[in-house]
Amino acid sequence: MEVLIRGMVLEDKHPLKVNFENMNGTPGGYLHHWVKFHADSMRKLTFSLLNNNSNSSFEINNYGPFAYDGNDLVGHPSVPEPFRSIGAVDGSFAPLSDVPTFPHSVGPDKPGWIYSWDKEKHLNYVDENNRDLTPDEMHAEWAVRKIEELEIRPVS
């Protein structure tokens, strides 16, 4: 069985990324451009072939939601030190149900979960059945829509 697998399946095969680069005999050939066009800016689904000139308004990276004290993105108050002080990304690793609260309002805005570094949109959470989607859930919905679009698009 090992010889069969090595001989028939793996021999003379190239990693997927190499195939992207070698289509039509040129680096960055047709398939590379197809991925670039169709993947939009969803880097989690690509090999980082994309740049910020994508035709999608979708955020490339969003590690949120983050704990927000009304002024800044901070470590979640329930995360023990020294981990909370690592920063907003790793220091906010807490259940969504543990909406960040602070003993006093540090800043002018309402504390809680916030989506991203721009501090413009809160993630509202009442309970598991009444809450906004997380960035990962939004990315997943976006990916499903894109895959469905590709399924109905005629092959040229």
N, C-alpha and C. Protein backbone atom coordinates (compact mmCIF):
# COMPACT_ATOMS: atom_id res chain seq x y z
N MET A 1 0.82 -1.20 0.00
CA MET A 1 0.00 0.00 0.00
C MET A 1 0.86 1.26 0.00
N GLU A 2 1.96 1.28 0.79
CA GLU A 2 2.83 2.45 0.84
C GLU A 2 3.41 2.77 -0.54
N VAL A 3 3.85 1.74 -1.26
CA VAL A 3 4.41 1.94 -2.60
C VAL A 3 3.34 2.48 -3.53
N LEU A 4 2.14 1.95 -3.43
CA LEU A 4 1.03 2.40 -4.26
C LEU A 4 0.75 3.89 -4.02
N ILE A 5 0.70 4.28 -2.76
CA ILE A 5 0.43 5.68 -2.44
C ILE A 5 1.57 6.56 -2.94
N ARG A 6 2.81 6.17 -2.66
CA ARG A 6 3.94 6.98 -3.07
C ARG A 6 4.03 7.06 -4.60
N GLY A 7 3.82 5.93 -5.26
CA GLY A 7 3.97 5.90 -6.71
C GLY A 7 2.84 6.56 -7.46
N MET A 8 1.61 6.35 -7.04
CA MET A 8 0.48 6.83 -7.83
C MET A 8 -0.07 8.18 -7.37
N VAL A 9 0.09 8.49 -6.11
CA VAL A 9 -0.55 9.70 -5.62
C VAL A 9 0.44 10.84 -5.41
N LEU A 10 1.55 10.57 -4.74
CA LEU A 10 2.43 11.65 -4.35
C LEU A 10 3.55 11.95 -5.34
N GLU A 11 3.94 11.00 -6.14
CA GLU A 11 5.05 11.22 -7.05
C GLU A 11 4.67 12.27 -8.09
N ASP A 12 5.58 13.17 -8.37
CA ASP A 12 5.39 14.24 -9.36
C ASP A 12 4.22 15.17 -9.02
N LYS A 13 3.89 15.27 -7.78
CA LYS A 13 2.81 16.19 -7.38
C LYS A 13 3.44 17.44 -6.78
N HIS A 14 2.73 18.54 -6.88
CA HIS A 14 3.20 19.81 -6.34
C HIS A 14 2.21 20.31 -5.31
N PRO A 15 2.72 21.04 -4.31
CA PRO A 15 1.78 21.65 -3.37
C PRO A 15 0.83 22.59 -4.11
N LEU A 16 -0.34 22.80 -3.54
CA LEU A 16 -1.36 23.62 -4.17
C LEU A 16 -0.83 25.01 -4.52
N LYS A 17 -0.05 25.61 -3.63
CA LYS A 17 0.48 26.94 -3.88
C LYS A 17 1.36 26.94 -5.13
N VAL A 18 2.16 25.90 -5.33
CA VAL A 18 3.01 25.82 -6.53
C VAL A 18 2.13 25.74 -7.77
N ASN A 19 1.04 24.97 -7.69
CA ASN A 19 0.12 24.90 -8.83
C ASN A 19 -0.47 26.27 -9.14
N PHE A 20 -0.80 27.06 -8.12
CA PHE A 20 -1.30 28.41 -8.36
C PHE A 20 -0.28 29.22 -9.15
N GLU A 21 0.99 29.09 -8.76
CA GLU A 21 2.04 29.89 -9.37
C GLU A 21 2.40 29.41 -10.77
N ASN A 22 2.16 28.13 -11.08
CA ASN A 22 2.63 27.56 -12.34
C ASN A 22 1.57 27.45 -13.43
N MET A 23 0.33 27.79 -13.16
CA MET A 23 -0.69 27.70 -14.20
C MET A 23 -0.28 28.55 -15.40
N ASN A 24 -0.54 28.06 -16.58
CA ASN A 24 -0.19 28.74 -17.83
C ASN A 24 1.31 28.96 -17.97
N GLY A 25 2.11 28.20 -17.21
CA GLY A 25 3.55 28.25 -17.36
C GLY A 25 4.23 29.49 -16.83
N THR A 26 3.52 30.34 -16.11
CA THR A 26 4.15 31.55 -15.60
C THR A 26 3.87 31.69 -14.12
N PRO A 27 4.83 32.21 -13.36
CA PRO A 27 4.54 32.49 -11.96
C PRO A 27 3.38 33.48 -11.88
N GLY A 28 2.49 33.24 -10.97
CA GLY A 28 1.33 34.12 -10.85
C GLY A 28 0.39 33.99 -12.03
N GLY A 29 0.25 32.77 -12.56
CA GLY A 29 -0.57 32.53 -13.74
C GLY A 29 -2.06 32.68 -13.48
N TYR A 30 -2.87 32.13 -14.37
CA TYR A 30 -4.32 32.30 -14.34
C TYR A 30 -4.93 31.96 -12.99
N LEU A 31 -4.59 30.80 -12.45
CA LEU A 31 -5.23 30.38 -11.20
C LEU A 31 -4.87 31.33 -10.06
N HIS A 32 -3.64 31.80 -10.05
CA HIS A 32 -3.22 32.77 -9.04
C HIS A 32 -4.14 34.00 -9.11
N HIS A 33 -4.37 34.50 -10.31
CA HIS A 33 -5.22 35.69 -10.46
C HIS A 33 -6.67 35.36 -10.15
N TRP A 34 -7.11 34.16 -10.45
CA TRP A 34 -8.47 33.74 -10.13
C TRP A 34 -8.67 33.77 -8.63
N VAL A 35 -7.70 33.20 -7.90
CA VAL A 35 -7.80 33.20 -6.44
C VAL A 35 -7.79 34.64 -5.94
N LYS A 36 -6.92 35.45 -6.49
CA LYS A 36 -6.82 36.84 -6.08
C LYS A 36 -8.16 37.56 -6.28
N PHE A 37 -8.81 37.32 -7.41
CA PHE A 37 -10.07 37.97 -7.71
C PHE A 37 -11.21 37.41 -6.87
N HIS A 38 -11.31 36.10 -6.78
CA HIS A 38 -12.47 35.49 -6.15
C HIS A 38 -12.38 35.41 -4.63
N ALA A 39 -11.20 35.43 -4.08
CA ALA A 39 -11.09 35.32 -2.63
C ALA A 39 -11.28 36.65 -1.93
N ASP A 40 -11.33 37.73 -2.69
CA ASP A 40 -11.46 39.07 -2.11
C ASP A 40 -10.40 39.26 -1.04
N SER A 41 -10.76 39.75 0.12
CA SER A 41 -9.73 40.03 1.11
C SER A 41 -9.81 39.08 2.30
N MET A 42 -10.27 37.89 2.09
CA MET A 42 -10.39 36.93 3.18
C MET A 42 -9.10 36.14 3.31
N ARG A 43 -8.10 36.72 3.93
CA ARG A 43 -6.78 36.08 4.00
C ARG A 43 -6.82 34.73 4.69
N LYS A 44 -7.77 34.49 5.56
CA LYS A 44 -7.83 33.20 6.23
C LYS A 44 -8.10 32.08 5.24
N LEU A 45 -8.63 32.39 4.06
CA LEU A 45 -8.95 31.38 3.08
C LEU A 45 -7.94 31.32 1.95
N THR A 46 -6.87 32.10 2.02
CA THR A 46 -5.89 32.13 0.94
C THR A 46 -4.50 31.93 1.49
N PHE A 47 -3.54 32.07 0.62
CA PHE A 47 -2.14 31.95 1.01
C PHE A 47 -1.51 33.33 1.13
N SER A 48 -2.25 34.30 1.58
CA SER A 48 -1.80 35.68 1.69
C SER A 48 -1.35 36.22 0.34
N LEU A 49 -2.04 35.84 -0.73
CA LEU A 49 -1.71 36.33 -2.06
C LEU A 49 -2.31 37.70 -2.32
N LEU A 50 -3.17 38.12 -1.44
CA LEU A 50 -3.94 39.33 -1.71
C LEU A 50 -3.26 40.56 -1.15
N ASN A 51 -3.61 41.68 -1.70
CA ASN A 51 -3.15 42.94 -1.14
C ASN A 51 -4.37 43.76 -0.75
N ASN A 52 -4.15 44.95 -0.30
CA ASN A 52 -5.27 45.77 0.17
C ASN A 52 -6.03 46.45 -0.97
N ASN A 53 -5.71 46.14 -2.23
CA ASN A 53 -6.43 46.72 -3.36
C ASN A 53 -7.59 45.83 -3.78
N SER A 54 -8.05 45.01 -2.88
CA SER A 54 -9.13 44.07 -3.17
C SER A 54 -10.43 44.80 -3.48
N ASN A 55 -11.34 44.09 -4.16
CA ASN A 55 -12.63 44.70 -4.49
C ASN A 55 -13.66 44.46 -3.40
N SER A 56 -13.24 44.05 -2.23
CA SER A 56 -14.17 43.78 -1.15
C SER A 56 -13.98 44.80 -0.04
N SER A 57 -15.07 45.15 0.62
CA SER A 57 -14.97 46.06 1.76
C SER A 57 -14.80 45.28 3.06
N PHE A 58 -14.63 43.97 2.95
CA PHE A 58 -14.51 43.11 4.11
C PHE A 58 -13.18 43.37 4.82
N GLU A 59 -13.20 43.44 6.14
CA GLU A 59 -11.97 43.66 6.89
C GLU A 59 -11.05 42.46 6.76
N ILE A 60 -9.78 42.72 6.51
CA ILE A 60 -8.82 41.64 6.32
C ILE A 60 -8.58 40.92 7.64
N ASN A 61 -8.22 41.64 8.68
CA ASN A 61 -7.96 41.03 9.97
C ASN A 61 -8.83 41.69 11.03
N ASN A 62 -9.49 40.86 11.80
CA ASN A 62 -10.26 41.37 12.93
C ASN A 62 -10.21 40.30 14.00
N TYR A 63 -9.40 40.54 15.00
CA TYR A 63 -9.21 39.56 16.06
C TYR A 63 -10.21 39.73 17.19
N GLY A 64 -11.14 40.64 17.06
CA GLY A 64 -12.09 40.95 18.12
C GLY A 64 -13.11 39.86 18.33
N PRO A 65 -14.01 40.08 19.26
CA PRO A 65 -14.21 41.34 19.95
C PRO A 65 -13.19 41.54 21.07
N PHE A 66 -13.05 42.79 21.45
CA PHE A 66 -12.10 43.18 22.48
C PHE A 66 -12.85 43.75 23.68
N ALA A 67 -12.24 43.63 24.85
CA ALA A 67 -12.77 44.33 26.02
C ALA A 67 -12.50 45.82 25.82
N TYR A 68 -13.50 46.61 26.15
CA TYR A 68 -13.42 48.06 25.94
C TYR A 68 -13.86 48.75 27.23
N ASP A 69 -12.99 49.62 27.75
CA ASP A 69 -13.30 50.26 29.03
C ASP A 69 -14.00 51.61 28.89
N GLY A 70 -14.44 51.93 27.69
CA GLY A 70 -15.08 53.21 27.43
C GLY A 70 -14.13 54.22 26.83
N ASN A 71 -12.84 53.86 26.81
CA ASN A 71 -11.83 54.75 26.25
C ASN A 71 -10.86 53.99 25.35
N ASP A 72 -10.39 52.82 25.82
CA ASP A 72 -9.39 52.05 25.09
C ASP A 72 -9.74 50.57 25.08
N LEU A 73 -9.14 49.85 24.13
CA LEU A 73 -9.20 48.40 24.13
C LEU A 73 -8.20 47.93 25.18
N VAL A 74 -8.66 47.07 26.07
CA VAL A 74 -7.84 46.65 27.21
C VAL A 74 -8.00 45.14 27.40
N GLY A 75 -7.19 44.59 28.29
CA GLY A 75 -7.39 43.20 28.69
C GLY A 75 -8.71 43.09 29.44
N HIS A 76 -9.36 41.94 29.30
CA HIS A 76 -10.65 41.71 29.96
C HIS A 76 -10.47 41.66 31.48
N PRO A 77 -11.33 42.31 32.25
CA PRO A 77 -11.17 42.33 33.70
C PRO A 77 -11.22 40.95 34.36
N SER A 78 -11.83 39.96 33.71
CA SER A 78 -11.88 38.61 34.29
C SER A 78 -10.63 37.78 34.00
N VAL A 79 -9.79 38.25 33.10
CA VAL A 79 -8.55 37.52 32.78
C VAL A 79 -7.53 37.84 33.86
N PRO A 80 -6.96 36.82 34.50
CA PRO A 80 -6.01 37.09 35.58
C PRO A 80 -4.70 37.69 35.07
N GLU A 81 -4.08 38.47 35.94
CA GLU A 81 -2.73 38.97 35.65
C GLU A 81 -1.76 37.80 35.74
N PRO A 82 -0.70 37.79 35.00
CA PRO A 82 -0.19 38.85 34.14
C PRO A 82 -0.78 38.82 32.73
N PHE A 83 -1.67 37.87 32.47
CA PHE A 83 -2.19 37.68 31.11
C PHE A 83 -3.03 38.85 30.64
N ARG A 84 -3.80 39.44 31.54
CA ARG A 84 -4.64 40.58 31.17
C ARG A 84 -3.79 41.73 30.61
N SER A 85 -2.59 41.90 31.16
CA SER A 85 -1.73 43.01 30.74
C SER A 85 -0.98 42.75 29.45
N ILE A 86 -1.12 41.56 28.88
CA ILE A 86 -0.45 41.26 27.61
C ILE A 86 -0.94 42.20 26.52
N GLY A 87 -2.21 42.54 26.58
CA GLY A 87 -2.78 43.44 25.58
C GLY A 87 -4.20 43.06 25.25
N ALA A 88 -4.82 43.85 24.40
CA ALA A 88 -6.24 43.67 24.10
C ALA A 88 -6.53 42.37 23.37
N VAL A 89 -5.63 41.90 22.51
CA VAL A 89 -5.92 40.69 21.74
C VAL A 89 -5.90 39.47 22.65
N ASP A 90 -4.76 39.16 23.23
CA ASP A 90 -4.66 37.97 24.08
C ASP A 90 -5.27 38.18 25.46
N GLY A 91 -5.29 39.40 25.92
CA GLY A 91 -5.85 39.70 27.23
C GLY A 91 -7.36 39.75 27.28
N SER A 92 -8.02 39.63 26.12
CA SER A 92 -9.49 39.65 26.08
C SER A 92 -10.08 38.27 25.86
N PHE A 93 -9.32 37.23 26.10
CA PHE A 93 -9.80 35.87 25.88
C PHE A 93 -10.72 35.49 27.03
N ALA A 94 -12.02 35.67 26.80
CA ALA A 94 -13.04 35.39 27.81
C ALA A 94 -14.33 35.01 27.09
N PRO A 95 -15.25 34.35 27.78
CA PRO A 95 -16.53 34.01 27.14
C PRO A 95 -17.29 35.27 26.75
N LEU A 96 -18.03 35.20 25.65
CA LEU A 96 -18.86 36.35 25.24
C LEU A 96 -19.86 36.72 26.32
N SER A 97 -20.34 35.71 27.04
CA SER A 97 -21.33 35.97 28.09
C SER A 97 -20.75 36.80 29.24
N ASP A 98 -19.43 36.86 29.35
CA ASP A 98 -18.78 37.66 30.37
C ASP A 98 -18.50 39.05 29.80
N VAL A 99 -19.57 39.80 29.58
CA VAL A 99 -19.44 41.14 28.99
C VAL A 99 -18.57 41.98 29.92
N PRO A 100 -17.52 42.59 29.38
CA PRO A 100 -16.60 43.36 30.23
C PRO A 100 -17.29 44.52 30.93
N THR A 101 -17.10 44.58 32.22
CA THR A 101 -17.59 45.72 33.01
C THR A 101 -16.42 46.26 33.81
N PHE A 102 -16.51 47.50 34.18
CA PHE A 102 -15.43 48.15 34.93
C PHE A 102 -16.05 48.90 36.09
N PRO A 103 -15.35 48.97 37.24
CA PRO A 103 -15.92 49.58 38.44
C PRO A 103 -16.38 51.01 38.22
N HIS A 104 -15.70 51.74 37.38
CA HIS A 104 -16.12 53.11 37.06
C HIS A 104 -15.85 53.33 35.57
N SER A 105 -16.55 54.22 35.02
CA SER A 105 -16.36 54.51 33.60
C SER A 105 -15.03 55.23 33.42
N VAL A 106 -14.14 54.58 32.69
CA VAL A 106 -12.82 55.15 32.45
C VAL A 106 -12.89 56.22 31.36
N GLY A 107 -13.74 55.97 30.38
CA GLY A 107 -13.82 56.89 29.25
C GLY A 107 -15.24 57.37 29.01
N PRO A 108 -15.41 58.20 28.00
CA PRO A 108 -16.71 58.79 27.71
C PRO A 108 -17.71 57.82 27.07
N ASP A 109 -17.23 56.73 26.51
CA ASP A 109 -18.10 55.79 25.80
C ASP A 109 -18.53 54.66 26.72
N LYS A 110 -19.52 53.90 26.29
CA LYS A 110 -20.02 52.77 27.08
C LYS A 110 -19.02 51.61 27.03
N PRO A 111 -18.66 51.03 28.18
CA PRO A 111 -17.76 49.88 28.17
C PRO A 111 -18.48 48.62 27.71
N GLY A 112 -17.74 47.60 27.38
CA GLY A 112 -18.29 46.31 26.94
C GLY A 112 -17.42 45.68 25.90
N TRP A 113 -18.02 44.91 25.00
CA TRP A 113 -17.30 44.32 23.87
C TRP A 113 -17.31 45.31 22.71
N ILE A 114 -16.19 45.41 22.03
CA ILE A 114 -16.12 46.26 20.83
C ILE A 114 -15.44 45.46 19.73
N TYR A 115 -15.85 45.71 18.48
CA TYR A 115 -15.38 44.89 17.37
C TYR A 115 -13.92 45.08 17.00
N SER A 116 -13.45 46.31 16.89
CA SER A 116 -12.11 46.46 16.33
C SER A 116 -11.41 47.70 16.86
N TRP A 117 -10.19 47.87 16.40
CA TRP A 117 -9.32 48.95 16.86
C TRP A 117 -9.90 50.34 16.62
N ASP A 118 -10.79 50.47 15.63
CA ASP A 118 -11.34 51.80 15.36
C ASP A 118 -12.36 52.24 16.41
N LYS A 119 -12.78 51.33 17.28
CA LYS A 119 -13.67 51.61 18.41
C LYS A 119 -15.02 52.19 17.98
N GLU A 120 -15.46 51.86 16.78
CA GLU A 120 -16.70 52.45 16.27
C GLU A 120 -17.94 51.61 16.52
N LYS A 121 -17.81 50.30 16.66
CA LYS A 121 -19.01 49.47 16.76
C LYS A 121 -18.90 48.49 17.92
N HIS A 122 -19.88 48.56 18.80
CA HIS A 122 -19.95 47.62 19.91
C HIS A 122 -20.56 46.30 19.46
N LEU A 123 -20.13 45.21 20.07
CA LEU A 123 -20.80 43.92 19.91
C LEU A 123 -21.79 43.83 21.06
N ASN A 124 -23.05 43.80 20.74
CA ASN A 124 -24.09 43.73 21.77
C ASN A 124 -24.34 42.29 22.15
N TYR A 125 -24.39 42.04 23.45
CA TYR A 125 -24.63 40.70 23.97
C TYR A 125 -25.64 40.78 25.10
N VAL A 126 -26.78 40.11 24.92
CA VAL A 126 -27.78 39.99 25.98
C VAL A 126 -27.70 38.58 26.54
N ASP A 127 -27.81 37.61 25.63
CA ASP A 127 -27.63 36.20 25.97
C ASP A 127 -27.25 35.47 24.68
N GLU A 128 -27.05 34.17 24.75
CA GLU A 128 -26.59 33.41 23.58
C GLU A 128 -27.56 33.49 22.41
N ASN A 129 -28.83 33.70 22.68
CA ASN A 129 -29.83 33.79 21.61
C ASN A 129 -30.12 35.22 21.17
N ASN A 130 -29.56 36.19 21.86
CA ASN A 130 -29.80 37.59 21.55
C ASN A 130 -28.47 38.34 21.62
N ARG A 131 -27.71 38.21 20.53
CA ARG A 131 -26.40 38.85 20.48
C ARG A 131 -26.00 39.09 19.04
N ASP A 132 -25.03 39.98 18.86
CA ASP A 132 -24.45 40.22 17.54
C ASP A 132 -23.49 39.08 17.19
N LEU A 133 -23.22 38.93 15.91
CA LEU A 133 -22.26 37.93 15.47
C LEU A 133 -20.84 38.36 15.82
N THR A 134 -19.97 37.39 16.07
CA THR A 134 -18.56 37.68 16.28
C THR A 134 -17.90 37.87 14.91
N PRO A 135 -16.71 38.46 14.86
CA PRO A 135 -16.02 38.57 13.58
C PRO A 135 -15.82 37.22 12.90
N ASP A 136 -15.48 36.18 13.64
CA ASP A 136 -15.31 34.85 13.03
C ASP A 136 -16.61 34.36 12.42
N GLU A 137 -17.73 34.61 13.08
CA GLU A 137 -19.03 34.20 12.52
C GLU A 137 -19.36 35.00 11.26
N MET A 138 -19.01 36.29 11.26
CA MET A 138 -19.23 37.10 10.05
C MET A 138 -18.33 36.62 8.92
N HIS A 139 -17.08 36.27 9.23
CA HIS A 139 -16.16 35.73 8.22
C HIS A 139 -16.72 34.44 7.64
N ALA A 140 -17.25 33.58 8.49
CA ALA A 140 -17.81 32.30 8.03
C ALA A 140 -19.01 32.54 7.10
N GLU A 141 -19.89 33.45 7.47
CA GLU A 141 -21.04 33.76 6.61
C GLU A 141 -20.58 34.33 5.27
N TRP A 142 -19.57 35.20 5.31
CA TRP A 142 -19.01 35.76 4.08
C TRP A 142 -18.46 34.65 3.19
N ALA A 143 -17.71 33.72 3.79
CA ALA A 143 -17.12 32.63 3.02
C ALA A 143 -18.20 31.76 2.38
N VAL A 144 -19.26 31.47 3.11
CA VAL A 144 -20.37 30.68 2.55
C VAL A 144 -20.99 31.41 1.36
N ARG A 145 -21.22 32.72 1.50
CA ARG A 145 -21.80 33.48 0.38
C ARG A 145 -20.88 33.44 -0.84
N LYS A 146 -19.57 33.61 -0.63
CA LYS A 146 -18.62 33.60 -1.74
C LYS A 146 -18.58 32.23 -2.41
N ILE A 147 -18.59 31.17 -1.63
CA ILE A 147 -18.58 29.82 -2.20
C ILE A 147 -19.86 29.58 -2.99
N GLU A 148 -21.00 30.01 -2.46
CA GLU A 148 -22.27 29.87 -3.18
C GLU A 148 -22.25 30.66 -4.49
N GLU A 149 -21.66 31.86 -4.49
CA GLU A 149 -21.54 32.64 -5.72
C GLU A 149 -20.69 31.90 -6.75
N LEU A 150 -19.60 31.29 -6.29
CA LEU A 150 -18.72 30.55 -7.21
C LEU A 150 -19.42 29.33 -7.77
N GLU A 151 -20.29 28.70 -6.98
CA GLU A 151 -21.00 27.50 -7.45
C GLU A 151 -21.97 27.83 -8.57
N ILE A 152 -22.56 29.03 -8.55
CA ILE A 152 -23.54 29.36 -9.59
C ILE A 152 -22.92 30.11 -10.77
N ARG A 153 -21.66 30.53 -10.62
CA ARG A 153 -20.99 31.27 -11.69
C ARG A 153 -20.58 30.29 -12.79
N PRO A 154 -20.87 30.62 -14.05
CA PRO A 154 -20.48 29.71 -15.13
C PRO A 154 -18.96 29.64 -15.27
N VAL A 155 -18.47 28.46 -15.60
CA VAL A 155 -17.04 28.26 -15.81
C VAL A 155 -16.70 28.74 -17.21
N SER A 156 -15.68 29.57 -17.32
CA SER A 156 -15.30 30.07 -18.65
C SER A 156 -14.06 29.39 -19.17
